[in-house]
PDB file of N, CA and C in Angstrom:
ATOM      1  N   UNK A   1      39.150   1.367 -14.139  1.00  0.00           N
ATOM      2  CA  UNK A   1      37.919   0.637 -14.146  1.00  0.00           C
ATOM      3  C   UNK A   1      37.264   0.698 -12.751  1.00  0.00           C
ATOM      4  N   UNK A   2      35.984   0.963 -12.726  1.00  0.00           N
ATOM      5  CA  UNK A   2      35.301   1.107 -11.448  1.00  0.00           C
ATOM      6  C   UNK A   2      34.995  -0.215 -10.780  1.00  0.00           C
ATOM      7  N   UNK A   3      34.605  -0.123  -9.560  1.00  0.00           N
ATOM      8  CA  UNK A   3      34.237  -1.290  -8.771  1.00  0.00           C
ATOM      9  C   UNK A   3      32.841  -1.751  -9.218  1.00  0.00           C
ATOM     10  N   UNK A   4      32.713  -2.984  -9.605  1.00  0.00           N
ATOM     11  CA  UNK A   4      31.419  -3.500 -10.068  1.00  0.00           C
ATOM     12  C   UNK A   4      30.716  -4.404  -9.058  1.00  0.00           C
ATOM     13  N   UNK A   5      31.195  -4.415  -7.859  1.00  0.00           N
ATOM     14  CA  UNK A   5      30.546  -5.231  -6.829  1.00  0.00           C
ATOM     15  C   UNK A   5      29.210  -4.619  -6.454  1.00  0.00           C
ATOM     16  N   UNK A   6      28.222  -5.434  -6.108  1.00  0.00           N
ATOM     17  CA  UNK A   6      26.907  -4.890  -5.752  1.00  0.00           C
ATOM     18  C   UNK A   6      26.967  -4.086  -4.453  1.00  0.00           C
ATOM     19  N   UNK A   7      26.236  -3.054  -4.415  1.00  0.00           N
ATOM     20  CA  UNK A   7      26.148  -2.219  -3.238  1.00  0.00           C
ATOM     21  C   UNK A   7      25.140  -2.773  -2.242  1.00  0.00           C
ATOM     22  N   UNK A   8      25.398  -2.583  -0.961  1.00  0.00           N
ATOM     23  CA  UNK A   8      24.484  -3.084   0.058  1.00  0.00           C
ATOM     24  C   UNK A   8      23.117  -2.411  -0.008  1.00  0.00           C
ATOM     25  N   UNK A   9      23.093  -1.098  -0.200  1.00  0.00           N
ATOM     26  CA  UNK A   9      21.849  -0.353  -0.223  1.00  0.00           C
ATOM     27  C   UNK A   9      21.024  -0.706  -1.471  1.00  0.00           C
ATOM     28  N   UNK A  10      21.679  -0.953  -2.575  1.00  0.00           N
ATOM     29  CA  UNK A  10      20.967  -1.277  -3.814  1.00  0.00           C
ATOM     30  C   UNK A  10      20.281  -2.635  -3.745  1.00  0.00           C
ATOM     31  N   UNK A  11      20.858  -3.565  -3.034  1.00  0.00           N
ATOM     32  CA  UNK A  11      20.283  -4.912  -2.947  1.00  0.00           C
ATOM     33  C   UNK A  11      19.172  -5.011  -1.900  1.00  0.00           C
ATOM     34  N   UNK A  12      19.044  -3.987  -1.090  1.00  0.00           N
ATOM     35  CA  UNK A  12      18.037  -4.019  -0.010  1.00  0.00           C
ATOM     36  C   UNK A  12      16.632  -3.830  -0.583  1.00  0.00           C
ATOM     37  N   UNK A  13      15.733  -4.717  -0.258  1.00  0.00           N
ATOM     38  CA  UNK A  13      14.363  -4.649  -0.743  1.00  0.00           C
ATOM     39  C   UNK A  13      13.460  -4.012   0.307  1.00  0.00           C
ATOM     40  N   UNK A  14      12.464  -3.299  -0.148  1.00  0.00           N
ATOM     41  CA  UNK A  14      11.514  -2.738   0.792  1.00  0.00           C
ATOM     42  C   UNK A  14      10.587  -3.845   1.299  1.00  0.00           C
ATOM     43  N   UNK A  15       9.904  -3.602   2.389  1.00  0.00           N
ATOM     44  CA  UNK A  15       9.056  -4.645   2.970  1.00  0.00           C
ATOM     45  C   UNK A  15       7.845  -4.961   2.095  1.00  0.00           C
ATOM     46  N   UNK A  16       7.344  -3.959   1.359  1.00  0.00           N
ATOM     47  CA  UNK A  16       6.202  -4.168   0.455  1.00  0.00           C
ATOM     48  C   UNK A  16       6.491  -3.499  -0.869  1.00  0.00           C
ATOM     49  N   UNK A  17       6.013  -4.099  -1.943  1.00  0.00           N
ATOM     50  CA  UNK A  17       6.159  -3.492  -3.227  1.00  0.00           C
ATOM     51  C   UNK A  17       5.120  -2.375  -3.372  1.00  0.00           C
ATOM     52  N   UNK A  18       5.320  -1.523  -4.357  1.00  0.00           N
ATOM     53  CA  UNK A  18       4.386  -0.397  -4.574  1.00  0.00           C
ATOM     54  C   UNK A  18       2.984  -0.915  -4.870  1.00  0.00           C
ATOM     55  N   UNK A  19       2.902  -1.999  -5.664  1.00  0.00           N
ATOM     56  CA  UNK A  19       1.578  -2.567  -5.980  1.00  0.00           C
ATOM     57  C   UNK A  19       0.869  -3.057  -4.725  1.00  0.00           C
ATOM     58  N   UNK A  20       1.617  -3.683  -3.809  1.00  0.00           N
ATOM     59  CA  UNK A  20       0.998  -4.170  -2.572  1.00  0.00           C
ATOM     60  C   UNK A  20       0.494  -3.004  -1.737  1.00  0.00           C
ATOM     61  N   UNK A  21       1.288  -1.921  -1.644  1.00  0.00           N
ATOM     62  CA  UNK A  21       0.875  -0.745  -0.891  1.00  0.00           C
ATOM     63  C   UNK A  21      -0.402  -0.146  -1.458  1.00  0.00           C
ATOM     64  N   UNK A  22      -0.463  -0.060  -2.789  1.00  0.00           N
ATOM     65  CA  UNK A  22      -1.672   0.496  -3.418  1.00  0.00           C
ATOM     66  C   UNK A  22      -2.874  -0.373  -3.161  1.00  0.00           C
ATOM     67  N   UNK A  23      -2.702  -1.678  -3.249  1.00  0.00           N
ATOM     68  CA  UNK A  23      -3.800  -2.612  -3.026  1.00  0.00           C
ATOM     69  C   UNK A  23      -4.341  -2.477  -1.583  1.00  0.00           C
ATOM     70  N   UNK A  24      -3.431  -2.371  -0.648  1.00  0.00           N
ATOM     71  CA  UNK A  24      -3.800  -2.206   0.768  1.00  0.00           C
ATOM     72  C   UNK A  24      -4.568  -0.897   0.951  1.00  0.00           C
ATOM     73  N   UNK A  25      -4.085   0.170   0.345  1.00  0.00           N
ATOM     74  CA  UNK A  25      -4.710   1.466   0.496  1.00  0.00           C
ATOM     75  C   UNK A  25      -6.114   1.449  -0.097  1.00  0.00           C
ATOM     76  N   UNK A  26      -6.279   0.846  -1.248  1.00  0.00           N
ATOM     77  CA  UNK A  26      -7.591   0.789  -1.895  1.00  0.00           C
ATOM     78  C   UNK A  26      -8.564  -0.061  -1.109  1.00  0.00           C
ATOM     79  N   UNK A  27      -8.092  -1.149  -0.538  1.00  0.00           N
ATOM     80  CA  UNK A  27      -8.976  -2.011   0.253  1.00  0.00           C
ATOM     81  C   UNK A  27      -9.456  -1.326   1.517  1.00  0.00           C
ATOM     82  N   UNK A  28      -8.569  -0.556   2.179  1.00  0.00           N
ATOM     83  CA  UNK A  28      -8.961   0.146   3.379  1.00  0.00           C
ATOM     84  C   UNK A  28      -9.922   1.284   3.048  1.00  0.00           C
ATOM     85  N   UNK A  29      -9.699   1.977   1.922  1.00  0.00           N
ATOM     86  CA  UNK A  29     -10.633   3.031   1.485  1.00  0.00           C
ATOM     87  C   UNK A  29     -11.987   2.459   1.144  1.00  0.00           C
ATOM     88  N   UNK A  30     -12.034   1.314   0.529  1.00  0.00           N
ATOM     89  CA  UNK A  30     -13.297   0.695   0.140  1.00  0.00           C
ATOM     90  C   UNK A  30     -14.089   0.290   1.381  1.00  0.00           C
ATOM     91  N   UNK A  31     -13.414  -0.261   2.374  1.00  0.00           N
ATOM     92  CA  UNK A  31     -14.131  -0.641   3.590  1.00  0.00           C
ATOM     93  C   UNK A  31     -14.637   0.581   4.348  1.00  0.00           C
ATOM     94  N   UNK A  32     -13.857   1.649   4.362  1.00  0.00           N
ATOM     95  CA  UNK A  32     -14.283   2.872   5.031  1.00  0.00           C
ATOM     96  C   UNK A  32     -15.482   3.482   4.313  1.00  0.00           C
ATOM     97  N   UNK A  33     -15.507   3.435   2.991  1.00  0.00           N
ATOM     98  CA  UNK A  33     -16.624   3.965   2.230  1.00  0.00           C
ATOM     99  C   UNK A  33     -17.880   3.176   2.484  1.00  0.00           C
ATOM    100  N   UNK A  34     -17.775   1.856   2.567  1.00  0.00           N
ATOM    101  CA  UNK A  34     -18.952   0.999   2.810  1.00  0.00           C
ATOM    102  C   UNK A  34     -19.494   1.224   4.208  1.00  0.00           C
ATOM    103  N   UNK A  35     -18.641   1.466   5.186  1.00  0.00           N
ATOM    104  CA  UNK A  35     -19.058   1.748   6.540  1.00  0.00           C
ATOM    105  C   UNK A  35     -19.813   3.091   6.590  1.00  0.00           C
ATOM    106  N   UNK A  36     -19.279   4.087   5.864  1.00  0.00           N
ATOM    107  CA  UNK A  36     -19.928   5.406   5.805  1.00  0.00           C
ATOM    108  C   UNK A  36     -21.321   5.280   5.193  1.00  0.00           C
ATOM    109  N   UNK A  37     -21.439   4.535   4.103  1.00  0.00           N
ATOM    110  CA  UNK A  37     -22.747   4.367   3.436  1.00  0.00           C
ATOM    111  C   UNK A  37     -23.727   3.691   4.376  1.00  0.00           C
ATOM    112  N   UNK A  38     -23.291   2.709   5.102  1.00  0.00           N
ATOM    113  CA  UNK A  38     -24.165   1.980   6.037  1.00  0.00           C
ATOM    114  C   UNK A  38     -24.620   2.906   7.158  1.00  0.00           C
ATOM    115  N   UNK A  39     -23.744   3.755   7.641  1.00  0.00           N
ATOM    116  CA  UNK A  39     -24.095   4.672   8.727  1.00  0.00           C
ATOM    117  C   UNK A  39     -25.107   5.715   8.235  1.00  0.00           C
ATOM    118  N   UNK A  40     -24.934   6.192   7.016  1.00  0.00           N
ATOM    119  CA  UNK A  40     -25.874   7.180   6.461  1.00  0.00           C
ATOM    120  C   UNK A  40     -27.247   6.590   6.242  1.00  0.00           C
ATOM    121  N   UNK A  41     -27.316   5.368   5.756  1.00  0.00           N
ATOM    122  CA  UNK A  41     -28.632   4.743   5.505  1.00  0.00           C
ATOM    123  C   UNK A  41     -29.358   4.430   6.798  1.00  0.00           C
ATOM    124  N   UNK A  42     -28.658   4.114   7.852  1.00  0.00           N
ATOM    125  CA  UNK A  42     -29.294   3.838   9.115  1.00  0.00           C
ATOM    126  C   UNK A  42     -29.880   5.093   9.739  1.00  0.00           C
ATOM    127  N   UNK A  43     -29.221   6.248   9.536  1.00  0.00           N
ATOM    128  CA  UNK A  43     -29.693   7.509  10.104  1.00  0.00           C
ATOM    129  C   UNK A  43     -30.981   7.997   9.406  1.00  0.00           C
ATOM    130  N   UNK A  44     -31.116   7.689   8.127  1.00  0.00           N
ATOM    131  CA  UNK A  44     -32.310   8.168   7.387  1.00  0.00           C
ATOM    132  C   UNK A  44     -33.464   7.359   7.725  1.00  0.00           C
TER     133      UNK A  44
END
């Protein structure tokens, strides 16, 4: 019978979940896009 104790690496959580990472990425892309639009409209 194998050892059923929890492994240290398996119990380790990442600092952010995948959903949080995606949300952060989308929010930064959205702000960059709005800044680009503002810069283009000012030049015209």
